[in-house]
């Protein structure tokens, strides 16, 4: 995925939570834009007190989180 496209999705207001699907089949849910930092060659995700570092090229899809009743 292009880092600039991901930055655009994160900048939308109101923010819509996203699911990032990775090339290895894993997926990460982004519920708050403050939990992710995107640069041209690195995506850093803070999830459950852990930091995940991902190359943008390994993000194959970013889609809106389906409505849930949490």
Protein backbone atom coordinates (compact mmCIF):
# COMPACT_ATOMS: atom_id res chain seq x y z
CA UNK A 1 0.00 0.00 0.00
CA UNK A 2 1.12 3.51 -0.70
CA UNK A 3 2.02 5.32 2.54
CA UNK A 4 0.44 8.55 1.29
CA UNK A 5 -2.90 6.77 0.73
CA UNK A 6 -2.79 5.37 4.25
CA UNK A 7 -2.05 8.85 5.64
CA UNK A 8 -5.11 10.18 3.78
CA UNK A 9 -7.32 7.50 5.33
CA UNK A 10 -6.00 8.35 8.79
CA UNK A 11 -6.59 12.08 8.29
CA UNK A 12 -10.28 11.74 7.44
CA UNK A 13 -12.62 13.31 9.98
CA UNK A 14 -14.58 11.91 11.52
CA UNK A 15 -12.09 9.04 11.69
CA UNK A 16 -13.41 5.65 10.62
CA UNK A 17 -11.67 2.69 12.31
CA UNK A 18 -9.66 0.62 9.83
CA UNK A 19 -8.57 -2.97 9.38
CA UNK A 20 -5.11 -3.38 7.84
CA UNK A 21 -4.59 -6.70 6.08
CA UNK A 22 -0.98 -7.79 5.65
CA UNK A 23 0.70 -9.90 3.00
CA UNK A 24 1.26 -12.74 5.49
CA UNK A 25 -2.46 -12.99 6.30
CA UNK A 26 -2.36 -11.12 9.62
CA UNK A 27 -4.65 -8.18 10.21
CA UNK A 28 -4.59 -5.28 12.64
CA UNK A 29 -7.47 -3.06 13.69
CA UNK A 30 -6.79 0.66 14.01
CA UNK A 31 -9.45 2.19 16.27
CA UNK A 32 -7.70 5.53 16.88
CA UNK A 33 -5.49 7.48 14.46
CA UNK A 34 -3.16 8.30 17.37
CA UNK A 35 -2.19 4.60 17.53
CA UNK A 36 -0.37 4.65 14.19
CA UNK A 37 2.57 6.54 12.70
CA UNK A 38 3.17 6.33 8.95
CA UNK A 39 6.36 7.27 7.12
CA UNK A 40 7.36 6.50 3.55
CA UNK A 41 9.13 3.29 4.57
CA UNK A 42 7.64 2.30 7.94
CA UNK A 43 4.29 1.94 9.66
CA UNK A 44 4.38 1.77 13.46
CA UNK A 45 1.26 0.49 15.23
CA UNK A 46 0.68 0.64 18.99
CA UNK A 47 -1.74 -2.17 19.82
CA UNK A 48 -2.33 -3.74 23.23
CA UNK A 49 0.84 -2.21 24.74
CA UNK A 50 2.96 -3.59 21.89
CA UNK A 51 4.62 -1.85 18.99
CA UNK A 52 4.29 -3.44 15.55
CA UNK A 53 6.63 -2.25 12.78
CA UNK A 54 5.48 -2.95 9.23
CA UNK A 55 6.78 -2.00 5.81
CA UNK A 56 3.98 -0.25 3.86
CA UNK A 57 4.55 -2.68 0.97
CA UNK A 58 3.27 -5.51 3.20
CA UNK A 59 -0.09 -3.81 3.76
CA UNK A 60 -2.27 -5.23 1.02
CA UNK A 61 -5.55 -3.63 2.06
CA UNK A 62 -6.94 -0.98 4.38
CA UNK A 63 -10.71 -1.12 4.78
CA UNK A 64 -13.28 0.36 7.10
CA UNK A 65 -14.00 -1.72 10.17
CA UNK A 66 -17.42 -3.36 9.89
CA UNK A 67 -19.98 -1.94 12.28
CA UNK A 68 -19.97 -3.84 15.54
CA UNK A 69 -21.87 -3.52 18.77
CA UNK A 70 -19.04 -3.16 21.29
